Amino acid sequence: MWKQSVRQGVGGGGGAPVVLGINRTQDASICLMHGSELAWAIQKERLTRHKHHWGRLDDVRKIYAARLPGLDAPIDILVECYSCDAEFARVAEYEHELAGTLALAPACRRARISHHLAHVYSAFHPSPFDDAAVMIIDGQGSRVADLTETWAGAAGVPGDWCEVASFYRADRQRVACLGKQLWNRDERQPAGLGMFYFLLTQAMFPGEGNEGKVMGLAPHGKATALRLPPLDVRDGQVTIPQRWRDLLAERGRFRYGGADDARFADIANLAAAGQRAFEEALLEVARWLHGKTGARKLCFAGGTGLNCSANERLLRETPFRRVFIPPAPSDAGTAIGCALYGLAELGGASCDFRWTSDYMGPAPQASQVEAAAQSCADLLIERIDDPGAMCARMADLLCQARVVALYQGRSEFGPRALGHRSILGDPRVGAMRDDINAQIKQREWFRPLAPMVLLERAEEFFDLCRPVPFMQYAAPVRERAVRIIPAVTHVDCTARLQTVGPDDDPFLRALLHEFEARTGVPVLLNTSFNRREEPIVETPAEAVETFRRTPIHALAMPPFLLRKRDGIGLLDGGALERQI
């Protein structure tokens, strides 16, 4: 049924309401808005340095309030989402924490919304569309008993079932839930695309957040080698065949590690089979949703929205003409969804916020940058106030096969480094990828690294005809370009690229132009600025510490350029000449 929006304005003194959204789930996050203006949004992991940090009691009091600006001002609207029964059971304790920490306005409007509804508001409302179909596919959402929206099949479903996928039709006035896929958590029969990919990942890489490893490993295998069936898909519902469930239970057989080539081939074959099964099922679900809605545009969120290879096929192989995937489609993005739900449904305000930039972290202060730079007596420090001169110095180093970290401005909110917390290199040097993976990132050798490219030159190197500013799609690399930019071309000749257009970050534009002027190549290698099993750096001090502890040659932290005194990079000049 259609859910009507509340249209009663809220805001101190008649001004824009101050809206706070809090995600208490995995990849906990928080977002502050002043009306439709996003003040900042950040994941808990960036503050605690604990990857995929779950939301917990006392986060606001112990972590957020002391480190984030604006939380001492009166809050007009507060919206939270949970997905864990244990946390729902402690709502009274959360209430006590918030009352003792935040300055809630006397007429503060409050809501707790379901996990998938928060995803919906994080995907459709910041999209460029006025109406669209919305597809949320996640590992596990809220229990049916805790949902805040209704749909035709809701009646009579017991509360121990939870949502694993949900489907909507949305416009700027209302959101309609068309249906859900539910999973009975008391049964040992997993269901849904998100749960399938989670189990696939666990068979190879235990722990949290390793789905990207499976996606990177899949092109090294043969999807048909294990003779596994496709997933069962009917009317948007995805179930996992018994043969898959039996094979994924053989955890020891497919656990990654060791140097046995035959064993690696077996693991890669499973990754390839799983990736193909996931992609084909996702396409079938998307086609079903298109047939149900007739919509020309699709918004897609949930953790599976991070699968870049599948996302590219959504654009190429479904009837949807346009697709919007938020830069943070996973649980982290639900804090923004909570805030936008509060703005539209509790505040009665139009949502004018559009996700056109992902630089959403609180801005570092100039004094913090200077203090971090000046604390480095053992490093060579240059102050370069002119951005053009800084780009020139960075391009000089990059053309010498030096690896340069870049820390500038507000941090990216999503999981991709987009040039504000990045490690950069020369994409023409194939060995650059191997050295960065092994020595800096200290991670698996098969992991691809991404290119950033000038938008107007992108079609020369990649098979695409649209801006992709958030690194969400794995586009084919053109045959000619594979030989030119080997360090950012994956084994299947694709690349998860970021385009940088005229309206995007001006410093990145200038740097790419500078590198192009020297090399004829308007592309740079780009990967996230962090070490193994650490979140991306957030503060200037963390940037300097990570620079010190890795063999990165230089750190550009405008207006400062820091270099190691020994002058040694990962590759020497001879290696550069041999590679290009």
Protein backbone atom coordinates (compact mmCIF):
# COMPACT_ATOMS: atom_id res chain seq x y z
CA MET A 1 0.00 0.00 0.00
CA TRP A 2 1.08 3.60 -0.48
CA LYS A 3 2.69 5.22 2.53
CA GLN A 4 1.68 8.87 2.75
CA SER A 5 4.32 11.36 3.85
CA VAL A 6 3.81 13.66 6.83
CA ARG A 7 3.83 17.29 5.69
CA GLN A 8 4.07 19.30 8.88
CA GLY A 9 7.17 21.45 9.15
CA VAL A 10 9.57 21.24 12.08
CA GLY A 11 12.50 23.46 12.97
CA GLY A 12 13.65 25.76 15.70
CA GLY A 13 12.26 29.25 15.08
CA GLY A 14 10.80 28.17 11.75
CA GLY A 15 14.23 27.47 10.23
CA ALA A 16 15.61 24.27 8.77
CA PRO A 17 15.27 21.36 11.21
CA VAL A 18 18.39 19.79 12.68
CA VAL A 19 18.12 16.09 11.84
CA LEU A 20 20.23 13.27 13.28
CA GLY A 21 20.28 9.77 11.80
CA ILE A 22 21.94 6.90 13.68
CA ASN A 23 22.61 3.43 12.32
CA ARG A 24 23.11 0.94 15.18
CA THR A 25 23.88 -2.11 13.00
CA GLN A 26 27.03 -3.52 11.43
CA ASP A 27 29.12 -0.73 9.90
CA ALA A 28 27.61 1.64 12.46
CA SER A 29 27.33 5.24 11.30
CA ILE A 30 25.86 8.64 12.09
CA CYS A 31 24.67 11.58 9.97
CA LEU A 32 23.81 15.18 10.84
CA MET A 33 21.71 17.35 8.52
CA HIS A 34 20.47 20.94 8.66
CA GLY A 35 17.38 20.62 6.53
CA SER A 36 18.49 19.24 3.16
CA GLU A 37 22.09 20.30 3.77
CA LEU A 38 24.25 17.41 4.94
CA ALA A 39 26.61 18.69 7.64
CA TRP A 40 28.59 15.45 7.88
CA ALA A 41 28.26 11.67 7.86
CA ILE A 42 30.80 9.18 9.13
CA GLN A 43 31.20 5.52 10.02
CA LYS A 44 32.03 4.51 13.55
CA GLU A 45 35.05 2.54 12.28
CA ARG A 46 36.78 5.76 11.17
CA LEU A 47 36.72 6.98 14.76
CA THR A 48 37.48 3.72 16.62
CA ARG A 49 39.87 2.24 14.00
CA HIS A 50 37.95 -1.07 14.22
CA LYS A 51 36.75 -2.25 10.78
CA HIS A 52 33.03 -2.89 10.35
CA HIS A 53 32.44 -1.79 13.94
CA TRP A 54 28.91 -2.57 15.08
CA GLY A 55 26.72 -0.01 16.76
CA ARG A 56 26.56 -0.39 20.52
CA LEU A 57 25.14 1.24 23.61
CA ASP A 58 26.99 4.42 24.59
CA ASP A 59 28.32 5.12 21.08
CA VAL A 60 26.80 8.60 21.12
CA ARG A 61 28.13 9.45 24.58
CA LYS A 62 31.58 7.85 24.37
CA ILE A 63 32.49 8.13 20.70
CA TYR A 64 30.38 10.55 18.66
CA ALA A 65 29.59 13.48 20.97
CA ALA A 66 33.20 14.20 21.90
CA ARG A 67 34.58 14.02 18.36
CA LEU A 68 31.91 15.33 16.01
CA PRO A 69 30.80 18.97 15.70
CA GLY A 70 27.22 20.09 16.15
CA LEU A 71 25.94 17.41 18.51
CA ASP A 72 25.68 19.94 21.33
CA ALA A 73 22.97 21.90 19.46
CA PRO A 74 19.26 21.10 19.88
CA ILE A 75 18.13 18.17 17.73
CA ASP A 76 14.70 18.65 16.12
CA ILE A 77 14.39 15.18 14.55
CA LEU A 78 16.08 11.94 15.58
CA VAL A 79 15.74 8.67 13.65
CA GLU A 80 17.52 5.38 14.41
CA CYS A 81 17.60 1.93 12.85
CA TYR A 82 18.52 -1.40 14.42
CA SER A 83 18.66 -4.93 13.03
CA CYS A 84 19.58 -6.92 16.12
CA ASP A 85 17.07 -8.33 18.59
CA ALA A 86 19.54 -7.93 21.45
CA GLU A 87 19.71 -4.20 20.77
CA PHE A 88 15.93 -3.86 20.48
CA ALA A 89 15.67 -5.41 23.92
CA ARG A 90 17.81 -2.60 25.35
CA VAL A 91 15.84 0.33 23.95
CA ALA A 92 15.30 1.78 27.44
CA GLU A 93 19.07 1.93 27.96
CA TYR A 94 19.54 3.64 24.61
CA GLU A 95 16.89 6.15 25.58
CA HIS A 96 18.76 6.93 28.79
CA GLU A 97 22.02 7.39 26.87
CA LEU A 98 20.48 9.79 24.36
CA ALA A 99 18.63 11.82 27.00
CA GLY A 100 21.86 12.26 28.95
CA THR A 101 24.02 13.13 25.94
CA LEU A 102 22.08 15.01 23.26
CA ALA A 103 20.20 18.28 23.53
CA LEU A 104 16.85 17.13 22.18
CA ALA A 105 14.53 20.01 21.31
CA PRO A 106 11.30 20.15 23.39
CA ALA A 107 9.23 19.16 20.36
CA CYS A 108 11.81 16.68 19.02
CA ARG A 109 10.23 14.12 16.73
CA ARG A 110 11.53 10.58 17.05
CA ALA A 111 11.32 7.33 15.10
CA ARG A 112 12.94 3.93 14.90
CA ILE A 113 12.65 2.48 11.42
CA SER A 114 13.35 -0.94 9.96
CA HIS A 115 16.70 -1.72 8.41
CA HIS A 116 15.47 -2.06 4.83
CA LEU A 117 13.37 1.09 5.00
CA ALA A 118 16.51 2.98 6.02
CA HIS A 119 18.20 1.49 2.95
CA VAL A 120 15.32 2.69 0.76
CA TYR A 121 15.66 6.28 1.96
CA SER A 122 19.44 6.13 1.47
CA ALA A 123 18.99 5.01 -2.14
CA PHE A 124 15.96 6.73 -3.68
CA HIS A 125 15.78 10.08 -1.91
CA PRO A 126 19.40 11.16 -2.70
CA SER A 127 19.10 9.82 -6.25
CA PRO A 128 18.57 12.08 -9.29
CA PHE A 129 15.22 10.38 -10.04
CA ASP A 130 11.68 11.63 -9.44
CA ASP A 131 10.32 8.08 -9.53
CA ALA A 132 11.96 4.68 -9.63
CA ALA A 133 11.78 1.02 -8.71
CA VAL A 134 13.85 0.31 -5.58
CA MET A 135 15.58 -2.99 -4.86
CA ILE A 136 17.14 -3.76 -1.47
CA ILE A 137 19.13 -6.99 -1.21
CA ASP A 138 21.00 -7.59 2.03
CA GLY A 139 22.23 -10.46 4.15
CA GLN A 140 19.66 -10.02 6.89
CA GLY A 141 17.38 -7.16 7.89
CA SER A 142 14.85 -6.49 10.62
CA ARG A 143 12.38 -9.01 11.98
CA VAL A 144 8.89 -8.84 10.52
CA ALA A 145 7.57 -7.84 13.95
CA ASP A 146 9.85 -4.77 13.91
CA LEU A 147 9.07 -3.47 10.42
CA THR A 148 7.84 0.08 9.97
CA GLU A 149 6.23 -0.36 6.56
CA THR A 150 3.41 -2.57 5.35
CA TRP A 151 2.86 -4.61 2.20
CA ALA A 152 0.26 -6.97 0.83
CA GLY A 153 1.85 -10.16 2.21
CA ALA A 154 2.48 -8.87 5.71
CA ALA A 155 -0.59 -10.32 7.39
CA GLY A 156 -0.09 -13.52 9.29
CA VAL A 157 3.73 -13.69 9.02
CA PRO A 158 5.26 -14.65 12.39
CA GLY A 159 7.70 -12.23 13.95
CA ASP A 160 10.66 -14.63 13.94
CA TRP A 161 10.97 -14.17 10.17
CA CYS A 162 13.29 -11.42 8.89
CA GLU A 163 13.70 -9.60 5.59
CA VAL A 164 16.53 -10.52 3.20
CA ALA A 165 15.23 -8.62 0.16
CA SER A 166 12.54 -6.00 -0.41
CA PHE A 167 11.09 -4.22 -3.40
CA TYR A 168 9.44 -0.80 -3.75
CA ARG A 169 8.02 1.78 -6.10
CA ALA A 170 8.89 5.30 -5.00
CA ASP A 171 8.31 8.88 -6.02
CA ARG A 172 8.95 12.19 -4.27
CA GLN A 173 5.68 12.00 -2.35
CA ARG A 174 5.44 8.40 -1.17
CA VAL A 175 7.04 4.98 -1.01
CA ALA A 176 5.14 1.76 -1.72
CA CYS A 177 6.43 -1.62 -0.55
CA LEU A 178 5.61 -4.16 -3.26
CA GLY A 179 6.91 -7.23 -1.48
CA LYS A 180 9.70 -8.87 0.48
CA GLN A 181 11.64 -12.07 0.67
CA LEU A 182 11.62 -13.39 4.22
CA TRP A 183 13.80 -15.93 5.98
CA ASN A 184 12.89 -17.94 9.06
CA ARG A 185 15.90 -17.58 11.33
CA ASP A 186 14.84 -20.60 13.39
CA GLU A 187 15.36 -22.90 10.41
CA ARG A 188 18.69 -24.01 8.99
CA GLN A 189 17.73 -23.24 5.39
CA PRO A 190 19.44 -19.98 4.34
CA ALA A 191 17.78 -17.96 1.61
CA GLY A 192 18.32 -14.82 -0.40
CA LEU A 193 21.09 -13.42 -2.57
CA GLY A 194 22.79 -11.56 0.28
CA MET A 195 22.89 -14.67 2.45
CA PHE A 196 24.20 -16.72 -0.49
CA TYR A 197 27.14 -14.39 -1.08
CA PHE A 198 27.84 -14.24 2.65
CA LEU A 199 28.05 -18.05 2.85
CA LEU A 200 30.16 -18.14 -0.30
CA THR A 201 32.58 -15.66 1.24
CA GLN A 202 32.72 -17.49 4.57
CA ALA A 203 33.72 -20.70 2.82
CA MET A 204 36.88 -18.98 1.56
CA PHE A 205 37.58 -15.98 3.79
CA PRO A 206 36.25 -16.05 7.37
CA GLY A 207 35.59 -12.81 9.21
CA GLU A 208 33.63 -9.71 8.24
CA GLY A 209 33.67 -7.66 5.07
CA ASN A 210 35.59 -10.01 2.76
CA GLU A 211 33.06 -10.17 -0.06
CA GLY A 212 35.29 -7.98 -2.23
CA LYS A 213 38.00 -10.66 -2.10
CA VAL A 214 35.62 -13.18 -3.67
CA MET A 215 34.72 -10.72 -6.42
CA GLY A 216 38.42 -10.11 -7.15
CA LEU A 217 39.25 -13.83 -7.07
CA ALA A 218 36.41 -14.98 -9.33
CA PRO A 219 38.03 -14.05 -12.69
CA HIS A 220 40.93 -16.38 -11.84
CA GLY A 221 38.62 -19.42 -11.85
CA LYS A 222 36.32 -21.32 -14.21
CA ALA A 223 32.65 -20.93 -13.40
CA THR A 224 31.72 -24.32 -14.90
CA ALA A 225 34.46 -26.42 -13.29
CA LEU A 226 32.46 -27.50 -10.24
CA ARG A 227 29.26 -28.14 -12.26
CA LEU A 228 27.08 -26.24 -9.80
CA PRO A 229 23.50 -25.30 -10.64
CA PRO A 230 22.10 -21.77 -10.86
CA LEU A 231 20.25 -20.38 -7.88
CA ASP A 232 16.49 -20.87 -7.82
CA VAL A 233 14.65 -17.63 -8.64
CA ARG A 234 10.88 -17.23 -8.72
CA ASP A 235 8.93 -13.96 -8.50
CA GLY A 236 11.87 -12.14 -6.94
CA GLN A 237 12.44 -14.87 -4.35
CA VAL A 238 15.89 -16.53 -4.36
CA THR A 239 16.58 -19.89 -2.74
CA ILE A 240 19.84 -21.80 -2.55
CA PRO A 241 19.87 -25.32 -4.06
CA GLN A 242 20.93 -28.22 -1.86
CA ARG A 243 24.10 -28.86 -3.90
CA TRP A 244 25.27 -25.35 -3.12
CA ARG A 245 24.45 -25.70 0.57
CA ASP A 246 26.34 -29.00 0.80
CA LEU A 247 29.41 -27.63 -0.98
CA LEU A 248 29.56 -24.41 1.04
CA ALA A 249 29.49 -26.53 4.22
CA GLU A 250 32.88 -27.98 3.21
CA ARG A 251 34.70 -25.05 4.83
CA GLY A 252 38.12 -26.71 5.02
CA ARG A 253 38.18 -27.57 1.34
CA PHE A 254 37.86 -24.00 0.12
CA ARG A 255 39.61 -21.98 2.82
CA TYR A 256 42.08 -19.62 1.14
CA GLY A 257 45.75 -19.91 2.05
CA GLY A 258 48.89 -21.83 1.20
CA ALA A 259 50.85 -22.10 -2.03
CA ASP A 260 49.26 -25.21 -3.56
CA ASP A 261 48.31 -24.31 -7.16
CA ALA A 262 45.69 -27.04 -7.38
CA ARG A 263 44.08 -25.87 -4.16
CA PHE A 264 44.09 -22.25 -5.37
CA ALA A 265 42.41 -23.34 -8.61
CA ASP A 266 39.69 -25.13 -6.64
CA ILE A 267 39.03 -22.03 -4.52
CA ALA A 268 39.06 -19.74 -7.56
CA ASN A 269 36.62 -22.06 -9.34
CA LEU A 270 34.22 -21.79 -6.41
CA ALA A 271 34.52 -18.00 -6.45
CA ALA A 272 33.86 -17.93 -10.19
CA ALA A 273 30.84 -20.24 -9.90
CA GLY A 274 29.43 -18.24 -7.02
CA GLN A 275 29.93 -14.89 -8.71
CA ARG A 276 28.24 -16.11 -11.88
CA ALA A 277 25.32 -17.64 -9.96
CA PHE A 278 24.91 -14.40 -8.01
CA GLU A 279 24.99 -12.21 -11.11
CA GLU A 280 22.51 -14.34 -13.06
CA ALA A 281 20.07 -14.46 -10.15
CA LEU A 282 20.39 -10.70 -9.54
CA LEU A 283 19.61 -9.99 -13.18
CA GLU A 284 16.57 -12.26 -13.04
CA VAL A 285 15.30 -10.50 -9.90
CA ALA A 286 15.83 -7.08 -11.50
CA ARG A 287 13.95 -8.13 -14.64
CA TRP A 288 11.09 -9.40 -12.47
CA LEU A 289 10.97 -6.05 -10.65
CA HIS A 290 10.95 -4.17 -13.94
CA GLY A 291 8.06 -6.29 -15.16
CA LYS A 292 6.16 -5.61 -11.94
CA THR A 293 6.70 -1.83 -11.96
CA GLY A 294 7.33 -0.85 -15.57
CA ALA A 295 9.82 1.69 -14.18
CA ARG A 296 12.64 2.92 -16.40
CA LYS A 297 14.90 3.74 -13.47
CA LEU A 298 16.24 1.58 -10.65
CA CYS A 299 17.70 2.39 -7.22
CA PHE A 300 19.67 -0.46 -5.67
CA ALA A 301 21.09 -0.76 -2.14
CA GLY A 302 22.01 -3.30 0.50
CA GLY A 303 25.42 -4.91 0.93
CA THR A 304 25.18 -6.64 -2.44
CA GLY A 305 25.23 -3.19 -4.08
CA LEU A 306 29.01 -3.21 -3.59
CA ASN A 307 29.41 -5.98 -6.19
CA CYS A 308 30.84 -3.91 -9.04
CA SER A 309 30.85 -6.71 -11.62
CA ALA A 310 27.16 -7.42 -11.07
CA ASN A 311 26.33 -3.71 -11.07
CA GLU A 312 27.75 -3.27 -14.55
CA ARG A 313 25.53 -6.08 -15.84
CA LEU A 314 22.47 -4.43 -14.25
CA LEU A 315 23.03 -1.50 -16.58
CA ARG A 316 23.84 -3.53 -19.68
CA GLU A 317 21.47 -6.49 -19.43
CA THR A 318 18.21 -5.36 -17.82
CA PRO A 319 15.41 -3.15 -19.20
CA PHE A 320 16.22 -0.39 -16.70
CA ARG A 321 17.62 2.60 -18.58
CA ARG A 322 19.30 4.21 -15.57
CA VAL A 323 20.55 2.81 -12.27
CA PHE A 324 21.48 4.70 -9.11
CA ILE A 325 23.53 2.94 -6.43
CA PRO A 326 24.55 5.14 -3.48
CA PRO A 327 28.30 5.29 -2.76
CA ALA A 328 27.58 3.54 0.56
CA PRO A 329 24.89 0.96 -0.31
CA SER A 330 25.82 -1.27 2.63
CA ASP A 331 24.65 -0.81 6.22
CA ALA A 332 26.79 2.30 6.69
CA GLY A 333 24.53 4.25 4.34
CA THR A 334 21.46 3.67 6.51
CA ALA A 335 22.45 6.55 8.82
CA ILE A 336 21.86 8.86 5.86
CA GLY A 337 18.66 6.97 5.12
CA CYS A 338 17.51 7.55 8.70
CA ALA A 339 18.21 11.28 8.44
CA LEU A 340 16.39 11.59 5.12
CA TYR A 341 13.42 9.64 6.47
CA GLY A 342 13.29 12.05 9.39
CA LEU A 343 13.50 15.09 7.13
CA ALA A 344 10.75 13.92 4.76
CA GLU A 345 8.39 11.90 6.94
CA LEU A 346 8.71 13.56 10.35
CA GLY A 347 9.78 17.05 9.29
CA GLY A 348 7.44 17.32 6.34
CA ALA A 349 10.22 18.94 4.31
CA SER A 350 11.12 18.32 0.70
CA CYS A 351 14.33 16.34 0.33
CA ASP A 352 16.62 18.42 -1.84
CA PHE A 353 19.79 16.52 -0.91
CA ARG A 354 21.36 14.60 -3.82
CA TRP A 355 24.33 12.26 -3.44
CA THR A 356 26.57 14.00 -5.98
CA SER A 357 29.72 13.92 -3.82
CA ASP A 358 30.93 11.38 -1.28
CA TYR A 359 33.23 13.72 0.67
CA MET A 360 31.07 13.82 3.79
CA GLY A 361 33.38 13.43 6.77
CA PRO A 362 33.92 16.37 9.15
CA ALA A 363 36.49 18.74 7.66
CA PRO A 364 39.93 18.52 9.33
CA GLN A 365 41.16 21.79 10.78
CA ALA A 366 44.16 23.50 9.22
CA SER A 367 45.86 23.45 12.63
CA GLN A 368 45.53 19.65 12.75
CA VAL A 369 47.15 19.30 9.34
CA GLU A 370 50.01 21.62 10.30
CA ALA A 371 50.57 19.93 13.65
CA ALA A 372 50.72 16.49 12.02
CA ALA A 373 53.17 17.68 9.38
CA GLN A 374 55.41 19.60 11.76
CA SER A 375 55.70 16.60 14.10
CA CYS A 376 57.84 14.82 11.50
CA ALA A 377 61.41 15.94 12.14
CA ASP A 378 62.70 12.71 10.59
CA LEU A 379 60.96 13.42 7.27
CA LEU A 380 61.61 15.89 4.47
CA ILE A 381 58.85 18.50 4.64
CA GLU A 382 58.00 21.02 1.94
CA ARG A 383 55.31 23.65 2.21
CA ILE A 384 53.69 24.21 -1.20
CA ASP A 385 50.83 26.68 -0.96
CA ASP A 386 50.01 26.78 -4.67
CA PRO A 387 47.81 23.80 -5.68
CA GLY A 388 49.24 23.82 -9.20
CA ALA A 389 52.78 23.54 -7.86
CA MET A 390 51.70 20.71 -5.54
CA CYS A 391 50.22 18.82 -8.50
CA ALA A 392 53.44 19.32 -10.44
CA ARG A 393 55.57 17.92 -7.60
CA MET A 394 53.24 14.94 -7.20
CA ALA A 395 53.30 14.25 -10.95
CA ASP A 396 57.11 14.37 -10.90
CA LEU A 397 57.17 11.67 -8.22
CA LEU A 398 54.50 9.53 -9.87
CA CYS A 399 56.38 9.58 -13.17
CA GLN A 400 59.42 8.25 -11.30
CA ALA A 401 57.38 5.20 -10.20
CA ARG A 402 57.00 6.62 -6.71
CA VAL A 403 53.91 5.81 -4.70
CA VAL A 404 52.25 8.94 -3.33
CA ALA A 405 49.55 9.07 -0.68
CA LEU A 406 47.03 11.90 -0.91
CA TYR A 407 45.19 13.30 2.12
CA GLN A 408 42.97 16.30 1.45
CA GLY A 409 39.73 17.80 2.72
CA ARG A 410 36.77 15.81 3.99
CA SER A 411 36.93 12.03 3.98
CA GLU A 412 34.85 9.75 1.78
CA PHE A 413 31.81 8.28 3.53
CA GLY A 414 31.56 5.08 1.48
CA PRO A 415 34.15 2.27 1.37
CA ARG A 416 35.90 3.53 -1.78
CA ALA A 417 38.80 5.97 -1.70
CA LEU A 418 37.94 8.70 -4.21
CA GLY A 419 40.99 10.93 -4.04
CA HIS A 420 40.72 12.40 -0.55
CA ARG A 421 42.19 9.41 1.34
CA SER A 422 44.03 7.65 -1.50
CA ILE A 423 47.27 5.95 -2.42
CA LEU A 424 48.25 6.86 -5.99
CA GLY A 425 50.62 5.30 -8.51
CA ASP A 426 51.55 5.13 -12.18
CA PRO A 427 49.08 2.79 -13.93
CA ARG A 428 51.57 2.10 -16.74
CA VAL A 429 53.84 0.11 -14.42
CA GLY A 430 52.42 -3.39 -14.08
CA ALA A 431 54.63 -4.25 -11.12
CA MET A 432 53.14 -1.31 -9.23
CA ARG A 433 50.00 -3.33 -8.47
CA ASP A 434 51.96 -6.28 -7.08
CA ASP A 435 54.23 -4.11 -4.96
CA ILE A 436 51.37 -2.08 -3.48
CA ASN A 437 49.39 -5.23 -2.67
CA ALA A 438 52.36 -7.01 -1.12
CA GLN A 439 54.31 -4.25 0.61
CA ILE A 440 51.84 -1.47 1.44
CA LYS A 441 48.44 -3.14 1.67
CA GLN A 442 49.95 -6.50 2.72
CA ARG A 443 47.02 -8.34 1.21
CA GLU A 444 46.24 -11.04 -1.34
CA TRP A 445 48.13 -10.80 -4.64
CA PHE A 446 45.01 -11.20 -6.79
CA ARG A 447 43.27 -8.07 -5.50
CA PRO A 448 42.77 -5.49 -8.30
CA LEU A 449 43.58 -1.81 -7.95
CA ALA A 450 41.38 0.88 -9.42
CA PRO A 451 41.92 3.66 -11.97
CA MET A 452 40.79 7.25 -11.75
CA VAL A 453 40.44 8.95 -15.13
CA LEU A 454 39.45 12.29 -16.62
CA LEU A 455 35.80 11.93 -17.61
CA GLU A 456 36.25 13.40 -21.08
CA ARG A 457 39.01 10.87 -21.88
CA ALA A 458 37.44 7.84 -20.20
CA GLU A 459 35.91 6.31 -23.36
CA GLU A 460 39.35 6.05 -24.95
CA PHE A 461 40.41 3.61 -22.24
CA PHE A 462 37.16 2.03 -20.99
CA ASP A 463 33.96 0.76 -22.57
CA LEU A 464 31.48 3.12 -20.95
CA CYS A 465 29.48 6.19 -21.94
CA ARG A 466 28.52 7.76 -18.62
CA PRO A 467 30.11 9.32 -15.54
CA VAL A 468 30.98 6.86 -12.77
CA PRO A 469 32.28 9.13 -9.99
CA PHE A 470 31.85 6.65 -7.12
CA MET A 471 33.77 3.58 -8.37
CA GLN A 472 30.71 1.30 -8.38
CA TYR A 473 30.99 -0.45 -11.75
CA ALA A 474 33.58 -2.78 -13.30
CA ALA A 475 33.77 -1.60 -16.90
CA PRO A 476 35.68 -3.38 -19.68
CA VAL A 477 39.13 -1.97 -20.48
CA ARG A 478 39.58 -1.40 -24.20
CA GLU A 479 42.00 -3.78 -25.90
CA ARG A 480 44.42 -1.01 -26.80
CA ALA A 481 44.38 0.37 -23.26
CA VAL A 482 45.16 -2.97 -21.57
CA ARG A 483 48.76 -2.62 -22.72
CA ILE A 484 48.96 1.01 -21.61
CA ILE A 485 47.53 0.74 -18.07
CA PRO A 486 48.31 -2.83 -16.91
CA ALA A 487 48.49 -1.92 -13.20
CA VAL A 488 44.76 -1.12 -13.09
CA THR A 489 43.51 -3.80 -15.51
CA HIS A 490 42.19 -6.93 -13.83
CA VAL A 491 42.82 -10.42 -15.17
CA ASP A 492 39.42 -10.37 -16.93
CA CYS A 493 40.29 -7.04 -18.62
CA THR A 494 37.90 -4.97 -16.51
CA ALA A 495 38.52 -2.12 -14.09
CA ARG A 496 36.50 -0.60 -11.25
CA LEU A 497 37.02 2.98 -12.33
CA GLN A 498 36.31 6.46 -11.02
CA THR A 499 35.69 9.25 -13.50
CA VAL A 500 36.64 12.81 -12.54
CA GLY A 501 34.54 15.36 -14.40
CA PRO A 502 34.57 19.17 -14.62
CA ASP A 503 32.23 19.47 -11.63
CA ASP A 504 34.20 17.00 -9.48
CA ASP A 505 37.20 17.62 -7.25
CA PRO A 506 39.34 20.38 -8.85
CA PHE A 507 42.60 19.18 -7.30
CA LEU A 508 42.15 15.68 -8.75
CA ARG A 509 41.32 17.21 -12.13
CA ALA A 510 44.48 19.27 -12.03
CA LEU A 511 46.60 16.29 -10.97
CA LEU A 512 45.26 14.09 -13.76
CA HIS A 513 45.89 16.87 -16.30
CA GLU A 514 49.44 17.27 -14.98
CA PHE A 515 50.14 13.53 -15.25
CA GLU A 516 48.62 13.46 -18.73
CA ALA A 517 50.84 16.35 -19.84
CA ARG A 518 53.91 14.29 -18.95
CA THR A 519 52.77 10.84 -20.10
CA GLY A 520 49.84 11.21 -22.48
CA VAL A 521 47.81 9.05 -20.09
CA PRO A 522 44.98 10.78 -18.14
CA VAL A 523 44.74 7.87 -15.68
CA LEU A 524 46.16 7.23 -12.21
CA LEU A 525 46.18 4.11 -10.07
CA ASN A 526 44.09 4.72 -6.95
CA THR A 527 43.59 2.58 -3.85
CA SER A 528 42.48 3.34 -0.32
CA PHE A 529 44.91 4.91 2.16
CA ASN A 530 45.10 2.26 4.86
CA ARG A 531 47.04 -0.79 5.96
CA ARG A 532 45.88 -4.39 6.20
CA GLU A 533 42.76 -4.87 8.33
CA GLU A 534 42.55 -1.15 9.13
CA PRO A 535 39.89 1.37 8.13
CA ILE A 536 40.81 4.18 5.76
CA VAL A 537 42.68 6.95 7.58
CA GLU A 538 40.48 9.75 8.91
CA THR A 539 42.72 12.33 10.61
CA PRO A 540 45.99 14.03 9.59
CA ALA A 541 47.78 12.24 12.45
CA GLU A 542 46.56 8.85 11.18
CA ALA A 543 47.70 9.76 7.67
CA VAL A 544 51.20 10.52 8.92
CA GLU A 545 51.35 7.37 11.05
CA THR A 546 50.29 5.14 8.14
CA PHE A 547 52.81 6.89 5.88
CA ARG A 548 55.58 6.21 8.39
CA ARG A 549 54.68 2.53 8.78
CA THR A 550 54.52 1.72 5.06
CA PRO A 551 56.97 2.02 2.15
CA ILE A 552 54.97 4.81 0.56
CA HIS A 553 57.48 7.30 -0.80
CA ALA A 554 55.60 10.57 -0.29
CA LEU A 555 52.52 11.97 1.41
CA ALA A 556 50.77 14.98 -0.10
CA MET A 557 48.74 16.66 2.64
CA PRO A 558 48.18 20.15 1.22
CA PRO A 559 49.85 22.48 1.77
CA PHE A 560 52.56 20.02 2.87
CA LEU A 561 54.50 17.38 0.95
CA LEU A 562 56.26 14.84 3.16
CA ARG A 563 58.95 12.47 1.87
CA LYS A 564 61.13 9.76 3.34
CA ARG A 565 64.75 10.89 3.71
CA ASP A 566 66.20 7.77 2.08
CA GLY A 567 64.32 8.62 -1.10
CA ILE A 568 63.51 4.99 -1.87
CA GLY A 569 60.19 4.10 -3.46
CA LEU A 570 58.73 0.71 -4.23
CA LEU A 571 60.24 0.68 -7.72
CA ASP A 572 63.47 2.24 -8.95
CA GLY A 573 63.94 4.16 -12.18
CA GLY A 574 65.29 1.10 -13.98
CA ALA A 575 62.13 -0.81 -13.20
CA LEU A 576 60.10 2.09 -14.60
CA GLU A 577 62.03 2.02 -17.89
CA ARG A 578 61.54 -1.75 -18.19
CA GLN A 579 57.80 -1.52 -17.55
CA ILE A 580 56.69 1.27 -19.91
